Amino acid sequence: MKVLTIKEPWASLIIEGYKKYEFRSWKTNYRGKILIHAGMTIEKDMLKRFKDYKFTCNPGYIIGEATLVDCILVDEKFNEELKKIDPVVYGRNNHTCAYAWKLENVIKYNHLVPVKGKLGLWNYEK
């Protein structure tokens, strides 16, 4: 199974349905189910930004899954559309020239799986 490690609070924002795109400097041709792993790093300065959002950070765990359906090179127009969707989630950075990995069918796990993360899109063997 493919896994993507994402820093917190971003991983939890995906699992709770607030964030539909994950941004990377590289594209992938992979499409299909991926596990969402909350990395050990928590961007603590971002926790204040999302104080009105309902989520809990769970660093070091696979917290759910999603379907990766597209990988879009972000241009200025798409970057502005993202800010309109949710300026708190998408307004922090200019995502132009990054790749937006579009995630759908997000499922939050009730039973978290402790796992050490890795860089890139990696494989998890149970």
Protein backbone atom coordinates (compact mmCIF):
# COMPACT_ATOMS: atom_id res chain seq x y z
CA MET A 1 0.00 0.00 0.00
CA LYS A 2 1.30 3.48 -0.88
CA VAL A 3 1.76 5.94 1.99
CA LEU A 4 2.36 9.68 2.10
CA THR A 5 3.89 11.22 5.22
CA ILE A 6 2.60 14.73 5.86
CA LYS A 7 3.55 17.14 8.64
CA GLU A 8 0.94 18.03 11.22
CA PRO A 9 -1.48 19.80 11.30
CA TRP A 10 -1.76 19.32 7.52
CA ALA A 11 -2.31 15.54 7.70
CA SER A 12 -5.15 15.95 10.19
CA LEU A 13 -6.70 18.75 8.13
CA ILE A 14 -6.86 16.32 5.20
CA ILE A 15 -8.40 13.54 7.28
CA GLU A 16 -11.00 15.89 8.77
CA GLY A 17 -12.02 17.11 5.29
CA TYR A 18 -10.67 20.67 5.47
CA LYS A 19 -7.88 20.16 2.95
CA LYS A 20 -8.49 18.49 -0.44
CA TYR A 21 -5.03 19.07 -1.92
CA GLU A 22 -1.57 18.18 -0.66
CA PHE A 23 1.31 20.11 -2.20
CA ARG A 24 4.63 18.71 -3.34
CA SER A 25 7.53 20.04 -5.40
CA TRP A 26 7.37 16.89 -7.52
CA LYS A 27 4.65 15.22 -9.54
CA THR A 28 3.52 11.62 -9.43
CA ASN A 29 1.83 9.46 -12.01
CA TYR A 30 0.43 7.22 -9.27
CA ARG A 31 -3.36 7.24 -8.93
CA GLY A 32 -5.26 5.23 -6.38
CA LYS A 33 -5.56 4.58 -2.69
CA ILE A 34 -2.92 6.00 -0.35
CA LEU A 35 -2.55 5.90 3.39
CA ILE A 36 -2.13 9.24 5.17
CA HIS A 37 0.69 9.20 7.72
CA ALA A 38 0.97 12.08 10.18
CA GLY A 39 4.69 12.78 10.42
CA MET A 40 6.48 13.40 13.68
CA THR A 41 6.95 17.09 12.85
CA ILE A 42 4.24 19.46 14.06
CA GLU A 43 4.30 22.98 12.66
CA LYS A 44 3.31 24.46 16.01
CA ASP A 45 3.00 27.99 14.63
CA MET A 46 0.17 26.69 12.42
CA LEU A 47 -1.91 25.38 15.35
CA LYS A 48 -3.00 28.93 16.22
CA ARG A 49 -4.03 29.50 12.61
CA PHE A 50 -6.46 26.57 12.81
CA LYS A 51 -7.80 27.16 16.33
CA ASP A 52 -11.39 27.25 15.02
CA TYR A 53 -11.05 23.95 13.17
CA LYS A 54 -11.97 20.68 14.87
CA PHE A 55 -9.11 18.18 14.71
CA THR A 56 -6.50 16.42 16.82
CA CYS A 57 -2.87 15.96 15.79
CA ASN A 58 -1.59 12.37 15.92
CA PRO A 59 2.10 12.50 14.95
CA GLY A 60 3.70 9.17 14.14
CA TYR A 61 0.53 7.37 13.06
CA ILE A 62 -1.28 6.35 9.90
CA ILE A 63 -4.50 8.24 10.54
CA GLY A 64 -6.55 7.40 7.48
CA GLU A 65 -6.64 6.92 3.76
CA ALA A 66 -7.65 8.73 0.60
CA THR A 67 -7.75 8.24 -3.14
CA LEU A 68 -5.19 10.22 -5.11
CA VAL A 69 -7.14 11.20 -8.23
CA ASP A 70 -5.02 13.89 -9.87
CA CYS A 71 -1.70 15.75 -9.77
CA ILE A 72 -2.02 19.33 -11.00
CA LEU A 73 0.76 21.83 -11.68
CA VAL A 74 -0.46 24.95 -9.87
CA ASP A 75 -0.55 28.14 -11.93
CA GLU A 76 -1.55 31.63 -10.74
CA LYS A 77 -5.23 31.10 -11.64
CA PHE A 78 -5.50 27.82 -9.72
CA ASN A 79 -3.59 29.31 -6.79
CA GLU A 80 -6.20 32.10 -6.56
CA GLU A 81 -9.03 29.54 -6.77
CA LEU A 82 -7.52 27.64 -3.84
CA LYS A 83 -7.45 30.80 -1.71
CA LYS A 84 -11.16 31.31 -2.45
CA ILE A 85 -11.96 27.74 -1.36
CA ASP A 86 -10.43 28.31 2.08
CA PRO A 87 -8.07 31.25 2.68
CA VAL A 88 -6.98 29.85 6.05
CA VAL A 89 -5.97 26.44 4.70
CA TYR A 90 -4.64 27.53 1.30
CA GLY A 91 -3.66 31.16 1.90
CA ARG A 92 -0.41 30.65 3.81
CA ASN A 93 1.82 30.02 0.79
CA ASN A 94 1.90 30.76 -2.89
CA HIS A 95 1.58 27.26 -4.34
CA THR A 96 2.43 28.36 -7.89
CA CYS A 97 4.83 25.91 -9.56
CA ALA A 98 4.07 23.24 -6.94
CA TYR A 99 2.02 20.15 -7.65
CA ALA A 100 -1.40 19.83 -6.03
CA TRP A 101 -2.18 16.21 -5.29
CA LYS A 102 -5.99 16.03 -5.35
CA LEU A 103 -7.38 13.72 -2.66
CA GLU A 104 -10.91 12.30 -2.57
CA ASN A 105 -12.78 9.57 -0.68
CA VAL A 106 -11.03 10.42 2.57
CA ILE A 107 -11.57 7.95 5.42
CA LYS A 108 -10.54 8.69 8.99
CA TYR A 109 -9.33 5.63 10.89
CA ASN A 110 -10.74 4.89 14.34
CA HIS A 111 -7.72 2.71 15.13
CA LEU A 112 -4.48 4.54 14.42
CA VAL A 113 -1.43 2.60 13.21
CA PRO A 114 1.92 3.58 14.75
CA VAL A 115 4.55 3.77 12.02
CA LYS A 116 7.80 5.60 11.37
CA GLY A 117 7.40 7.76 8.28
CA LYS A 118 9.58 8.12 5.21
CA LEU A 119 10.16 10.71 2.55
CA GLY A 120 8.32 10.54 -0.75
CA LEU A 121 5.52 8.17 -1.62
CA TRP A 122 6.49 4.95 0.12
CA ASN A 123 5.20 1.42 0.58
CA TYR A 124 3.75 0.07 3.80
CA GLU A 125 3.75 -3.64 4.51
CA LYS A 126 1.50 -4.78 7.35
